[in-house]
């Protein structure tokens, strides 16, 4: 089952709306509302209203909680173009295109298990990446505490000087 919203003829260019798409697609609809609320762009306010409308439609049609929803389709399409002209230098006319956009938001129901599994997978991946460069038996917390106490120093790269063949530390 799916539910959504299709908002037409928004007076903003599609290029300005597409700038926000990659960040929003990675999040759940509820998280994206929080993100968009504090983003200082005109497109963020428009996306906020569109996603909020899609969430309320999904709650009414699908009868599920907001936390279980996820994006199926989130696109920005080109609308009509109003062609206007502005006087230019030496009697010429400069064409202007005033672009409009359409937003399509479709939400589906994801299972609660899949949401928690994704979060666990991300946490496990972060742990693996952070433990790659540590010696065996040493946690990242221990290493950070030793660095802050001054026991471990970061090694600086050695470069050979041109005049002498000796190594110098920078």
C-alpha atoms as a PDB file:
ATOM      1  CA  UNK A   1       0.000   0.000   0.000  1.00  0.00           C
ATOM      2  CA  UNK A   2       1.115   3.501  -0.708  1.00  0.00           C
ATOM      3  CA  UNK A   3      -0.079   7.051  -0.323  1.00  0.00           C
ATOM      4  CA  UNK A   4       1.339  10.374  -1.306  1.00  0.00           C
ATOM      5  CA  UNK A   5       0.965  13.891  -2.574  1.00  0.00           C
ATOM      6  CA  UNK A   6       1.478  15.563  -5.944  1.00  0.00           C
ATOM      7  CA  UNK A   7       1.866  19.325  -5.807  1.00  0.00           C
ATOM      8  CA  UNK A   8       1.734  21.207  -9.097  1.00  0.00           C
ATOM      9  CA  UNK A   9       2.754  24.611 -10.405  1.00  0.00           C
ATOM     10  CA  UNK A  10       5.081  25.769  -7.660  1.00  0.00           C
ATOM     11  CA  UNK A  11       6.660  29.137  -8.451  1.00  0.00           C
ATOM     12  CA  UNK A  12      10.251  28.023  -7.954  1.00  0.00           C
ATOM     13  CA  UNK A  13      12.660  26.573 -10.458  1.00  0.00           C
ATOM     14  CA  UNK A  14      13.135  22.784 -10.355  1.00  0.00           C
ATOM     15  CA  UNK A  15      16.911  23.261 -10.122  1.00  0.00           C
ATOM     16  CA  UNK A  16      16.550  24.981  -6.741  1.00  0.00           C
ATOM     17  CA  UNK A  17      14.352  22.151  -5.440  1.00  0.00           C
ATOM     18  CA  UNK A  18      16.606  19.381  -6.759  1.00  0.00           C
ATOM     19  CA  UNK A  19      19.452  20.808  -4.696  1.00  0.00           C
ATOM     20  CA  UNK A  20      17.750  19.453  -1.542  1.00  0.00           C
ATOM     21  CA  UNK A  21      16.764  16.019  -2.912  1.00  0.00           C
ATOM     22  CA  UNK A  22      19.920  13.950  -2.145  1.00  0.00           C
ATOM     23  CA  UNK A  23      19.908  14.889   1.533  1.00  0.00           C
ATOM     24  CA  UNK A  24      16.187  14.207   1.966  1.00  0.00           C
ATOM     25  CA  UNK A  25      16.096  10.856   0.139  1.00  0.00           C
ATOM     26  CA  UNK A  26      18.495   9.283   2.638  1.00  0.00           C
ATOM     27  CA  UNK A  27      16.246  10.078   5.605  1.00  0.00           C
ATOM     28  CA  UNK A  28      12.881   8.851   6.754  1.00  0.00           C
ATOM     29  CA  UNK A  29       9.965  11.246   6.164  1.00  0.00           C
ATOM     30  CA  UNK A  30       9.820  12.277   9.836  1.00  0.00           C
ATOM     31  CA  UNK A  31      13.572  12.965   9.972  1.00  0.00           C
ATOM     32  CA  UNK A  32      13.380  14.925   6.738  1.00  0.00           C
ATOM     33  CA  UNK A  33      10.712  17.201   8.246  1.00  0.00           C
ATOM     34  CA  UNK A  34      13.077  18.075  11.095  1.00  0.00           C
ATOM     35  CA  UNK A  35      15.911  18.683   8.635  1.00  0.00           C
ATOM     36  CA  UNK A  36      13.817  20.872   6.337  1.00  0.00           C
ATOM     37  CA  UNK A  37      12.346  22.930   9.175  1.00  0.00           C
ATOM     38  CA  UNK A  38      15.799  24.299  10.021  1.00  0.00           C
ATOM     39  CA  UNK A  39      17.144  24.633   6.463  1.00  0.00           C
ATOM     40  CA  UNK A  40      17.237  28.303   5.373  1.00  0.00           C
ATOM     41  CA  UNK A  41      16.121  27.888   1.758  1.00  0.00           C
ATOM     42  CA  UNK A  42      12.863  28.672  -0.010  1.00  0.00           C
ATOM     43  CA  UNK A  43      12.755  25.142  -1.432  1.00  0.00           C
ATOM     44  CA  UNK A  44      12.996  23.658   2.060  1.00  0.00           C
ATOM     45  CA  UNK A  45       9.745  25.326   3.105  1.00  0.00           C
ATOM     46  CA  UNK A  46       7.993  24.019  -0.008  1.00  0.00           C
ATOM     47  CA  UNK A  47       9.341  20.473   0.477  1.00  0.00           C
ATOM     48  CA  UNK A  48       8.323  20.609   4.150  1.00  0.00           C
ATOM     49  CA  UNK A  49       4.701  21.312   3.215  1.00  0.00           C
ATOM     50  CA  UNK A  50       4.680  18.618   0.506  1.00  0.00           C
ATOM     51  CA  UNK A  51       6.128  15.898   2.752  1.00  0.00           C
ATOM     52  CA  UNK A  52       3.875  16.868   5.652  1.00  0.00           C
ATOM     53  CA  UNK A  53       0.859  16.602   3.335  1.00  0.00           C
ATOM     54  CA  UNK A  54       2.013  13.172   2.134  1.00  0.00           C
ATOM     55  CA  UNK A  55       2.481  11.974   5.730  1.00  0.00           C
ATOM     56  CA  UNK A  56      -1.024  13.066   6.765  1.00  0.00           C
ATOM     57  CA  UNK A  57      -2.482  11.406   3.654  1.00  0.00           C
ATOM     58  CA  UNK A  58      -0.609   8.189   4.455  1.00  0.00           C
ATOM     59  CA  UNK A  59      -1.767   8.224   8.075  1.00  0.00           C
ATOM     60  CA  UNK A  60      -5.391   8.607   6.948  1.00  0.00           C
ATOM     61  CA  UNK A  61      -5.294   6.072   4.108  1.00  0.00           C
ATOM     62  CA  UNK A  62      -2.900   3.441   5.466  1.00  0.00           C
ATOM     63  CA  UNK A  63      -3.744   3.892   9.171  1.00  0.00           C
ATOM     64  CA  UNK A  64      -0.131   3.523  10.328  1.00  0.00           C
ATOM     65  CA  UNK A  65       2.218   5.551  12.479  1.00  0.00           C
ATOM     66  CA  UNK A  66       4.611   8.111  11.013  1.00  0.00           C
ATOM     67  CA  UNK A  67       7.697   6.169  12.108  1.00  0.00           C
ATOM     68  CA  UNK A  68       6.969   3.218   9.822  1.00  0.00           C
ATOM     69  CA  UNK A  69       6.715   5.288   6.642  1.00  0.00           C
ATOM     70  CA  UNK A  70       9.495   5.543   4.078  1.00  0.00           C
ATOM     71  CA  UNK A  71       9.931   7.216   0.697  1.00  0.00           C
ATOM     72  CA  UNK A  72       9.097   5.209  -2.386  1.00  0.00           C
ATOM     73  CA  UNK A  73       9.187   8.088  -4.871  1.00  0.00           C
ATOM     74  CA  UNK A  74      10.493  11.584  -4.267  1.00  0.00           C
ATOM     75  CA  UNK A  75      10.931  13.569  -7.474  1.00  0.00           C
ATOM     76  CA  UNK A  76      10.935  17.111  -8.750  1.00  0.00           C
ATOM     77  CA  UNK A  77       9.557  17.589 -12.253  1.00  0.00           C
ATOM     78  CA  UNK A  78       9.525  20.577 -14.565  1.00  0.00           C
ATOM     79  CA  UNK A  79       6.296  22.499 -14.890  1.00  0.00           C
ATOM     80  CA  UNK A  80       5.342  25.175 -17.367  1.00  0.00           C
ATOM     81  CA  UNK A  81       7.656  27.987 -18.421  1.00  0.00           C
ATOM     82  CA  UNK A  82       6.390  31.521 -18.739  1.00  0.00           C
ATOM     83  CA  UNK A  83       8.320  33.342 -21.429  1.00  0.00           C
ATOM     84  CA  UNK A  84       8.862  37.015 -20.772  1.00  0.00           C
ATOM     85  CA  UNK A  85      11.273  39.573 -22.156  1.00  0.00           C
ATOM     86  CA  UNK A  86      13.409  42.315 -20.693  1.00  0.00           C
ATOM     87  CA  UNK A  87      14.886  45.222 -22.625  1.00  0.00           C
ATOM     88  CA  UNK A  88      18.608  44.905 -23.233  1.00  0.00           C
ATOM     89  CA  UNK A  89      21.337  47.163 -24.472  1.00  0.00           C
ATOM     90  CA  UNK A  90      21.275  48.817 -27.912  1.00  0.00           C
ATOM     91  CA  UNK A  91      17.586  48.135 -28.457  1.00  0.00           C
ATOM     92  CA  UNK A  92      17.793  44.349 -28.050  1.00  0.00           C
ATOM     93  CA  UNK A  93      15.407  42.145 -26.105  1.00  0.00           C
ATOM     94  CA  UNK A  94      16.593  39.579 -23.565  1.00  0.00           C
ATOM     95  CA  UNK A  95      14.336  36.533 -23.106  1.00  0.00           C
ATOM     96  CA  UNK A  96      13.455  35.382 -19.580  1.00  0.00           C
ATOM     97  CA  UNK A  97      11.989  31.988 -18.663  1.00  0.00           C
ATOM     98  CA  UNK A  98      10.064  31.876 -15.410  1.00  0.00           C
ATOM     99  CA  UNK A  99      10.110  28.210 -14.478  1.00  0.00           C
ATOM    100  CA  UNK A 100       7.586  26.280 -12.421  1.00  0.00           C
ATOM    101  CA  UNK A 101       7.970  22.883 -10.735  1.00  0.00           C
ATOM    102  CA  UNK A 102       5.933  19.871  -9.630  1.00  0.00           C
ATOM    103  CA  UNK A 103       6.774  17.734  -6.571  1.00  0.00           C
ATOM    104  CA  UNK A 104       5.790  14.069  -6.363  1.00  0.00           C
ATOM    105  CA  UNK A 105       6.010  12.328  -2.967  1.00  0.00           C
ATOM    106  CA  UNK A 106       4.875   8.718  -2.548  1.00  0.00           C
ATOM    107  CA  UNK A 107       5.234   6.945   0.794  1.00  0.00           C
ATOM    108  CA  UNK A 108       5.055   3.240   1.603  1.00  0.00           C
ATOM    109  CA  UNK A 109       4.916   1.318   4.839  1.00  0.00           C
ATOM    110  CA  UNK A 110       8.201  -0.189   5.962  1.00  0.00           C
ATOM    111  CA  UNK A 111       8.307  -2.780   8.721  1.00  0.00           C
ATOM    112  CA  UNK A 112       9.614  -1.820  12.140  1.00  0.00           C
ATOM    113  CA  UNK A 113      12.122  -4.677  11.946  1.00  0.00           C
ATOM    114  CA  UNK A 114      13.688  -3.356   8.754  1.00  0.00           C
ATOM    115  CA  UNK A 115      14.145   0.091  10.320  1.00  0.00           C
ATOM    116  CA  UNK A 116      15.934  -1.321  13.364  1.00  0.00           C
ATOM    117  CA  UNK A 117      18.013  -3.680  11.221  1.00  0.00           C
ATOM    118  CA  UNK A 118      19.231  -0.764   9.088  1.00  0.00           C
ATOM    119  CA  UNK A 119      20.214   1.198  12.181  1.00  0.00           C
ATOM    120  CA  UNK A 120      22.091  -1.807  13.574  1.00  0.00           C
ATOM    121  CA  UNK A 121      23.861  -2.340  10.246  1.00  0.00           C
ATOM    122  CA  UNK A 122      25.022   1.284  10.218  1.00  0.00           C
ATOM    123  CA  UNK A 123      26.298   1.037  13.805  1.00  0.00           C
ATOM    124  CA  UNK A 124      28.178  -2.207  13.067  1.00  0.00           C
ATOM    125  CA  UNK A 125      29.711  -0.687   9.937  1.00  0.00           C
ATOM    126  CA  UNK A 126      30.938   2.335  11.923  1.00  0.00           C
ATOM    127  CA  UNK A 127      32.482   0.056  14.551  1.00  0.00           C
ATOM    128  CA  UNK A 128      34.328  -1.953  11.903  1.00  0.00           C
ATOM    129  CA  UNK A 129      35.676   1.169  10.219  1.00  0.00           C
ATOM    130  CA  UNK A 130      36.883   2.690  13.478  1.00  0.00           C
ATOM    131  CA  UNK A 131      38.577  -0.525  14.618  1.00  0.00           C
ATOM    132  CA  UNK A 132      40.493  -1.084  11.351  1.00  0.00           C
ATOM    133  CA  UNK A 133      43.459   1.045  12.303  1.00  0.00           C
ATOM    134  CA  UNK A 134      43.756   0.178  15.985  1.00  0.00           C
ATOM    135  CA  UNK A 135      46.174  -2.389  17.415  1.00  0.00           C
ATOM    136  CA  UNK A 136      44.646  -5.626  18.638  1.00  0.00           C
ATOM    137  CA  UNK A 137      43.041  -5.406  22.048  1.00  0.00           C
ATOM    138  CA  UNK A 138      42.816  -1.618  22.045  1.00  0.00           C
ATOM    139  CA  UNK A 139      39.509   0.217  21.794  1.00  0.00           C
ATOM    140  CA  UNK A 140      39.050   3.627  20.214  1.00  0.00           C
ATOM    141  CA  UNK A 141      38.275   5.131  23.627  1.00  0.00           C
ATOM    142  CA  UNK A 142      41.594   3.906  25.064  1.00  0.00           C
ATOM    143  CA  UNK A 143      43.487   5.301  22.099  1.00  0.00           C
ATOM    144  CA  UNK A 144      41.800   8.708  22.374  1.00  0.00           C
ATOM    145  CA  UNK A 145      42.552   8.899  26.092  1.00  0.00           C
ATOM    146  CA  UNK A 146      46.230   8.056  25.486  1.00  0.00           C
ATOM    147  CA  UNK A 147      46.508  10.711  22.791  1.00  0.00           C
ATOM    148  CA  UNK A 148      44.908  13.324  25.037  1.00  0.00           C
ATOM    149  CA  UNK A 149      47.325  12.443  27.888  1.00  0.00           C
ATOM    150  CA  UNK A 150      50.290  12.874  25.568  1.00  0.00           C
ATOM    151  CA  UNK A 151      51.476   9.265  25.632  1.00  0.00           C
ATOM    152  CA  UNK A 152      50.929   8.791  21.929  1.00  0.00           C
ATOM    153  CA  UNK A 153      52.083  11.419  19.498  1.00  0.00           C
ATOM    154  CA  UNK A 154      51.142  11.678  15.907  1.00  0.00           C
ATOM    155  CA  UNK A 155      54.033  10.861  13.625  1.00  0.00           C
ATOM    156  CA  UNK A 156      55.014  13.560  11.165  1.00  0.00           C
ATOM    157  CA  UNK A 157      56.128  12.636   7.654  1.00  0.00           C
ATOM    158  CA  UNK A 158      59.837  12.689   6.939  1.00  0.00           C
ATOM    159  CA  UNK A 159      61.202  14.459   3.896  1.00  0.00           C
ATOM    160  CA  UNK A 160      64.713  14.506   2.504  1.00  0.00           C
ATOM    161  CA  UNK A 161      66.231  17.908   2.032  1.00  0.00           C
ATOM    162  CA  UNK A 162      67.822  18.684  -1.296  1.00  0.00           C
ATOM    163  CA  UNK A 163      71.130  19.967   0.087  1.00  0.00           C
ATOM    164  CA  UNK A 164      71.882  17.053   2.353  1.00  0.00           C
ATOM    165  CA  UNK A 165      70.763  13.478   2.233  1.00  0.00           C
ATOM    166  CA  UNK A 166      69.647  13.590   5.860  1.00  0.00           C
ATOM    167  CA  UNK A 167      66.042  13.181   6.934  1.00  0.00           C
ATOM    168  CA  UNK A 168      64.277  16.193   8.356  1.00  0.00           C
ATOM    169  CA  UNK A 169      61.067  16.365  10.323  1.00  0.00           C
ATOM    170  CA  UNK A 170      58.701  19.178   9.510  1.00  0.00           C
END
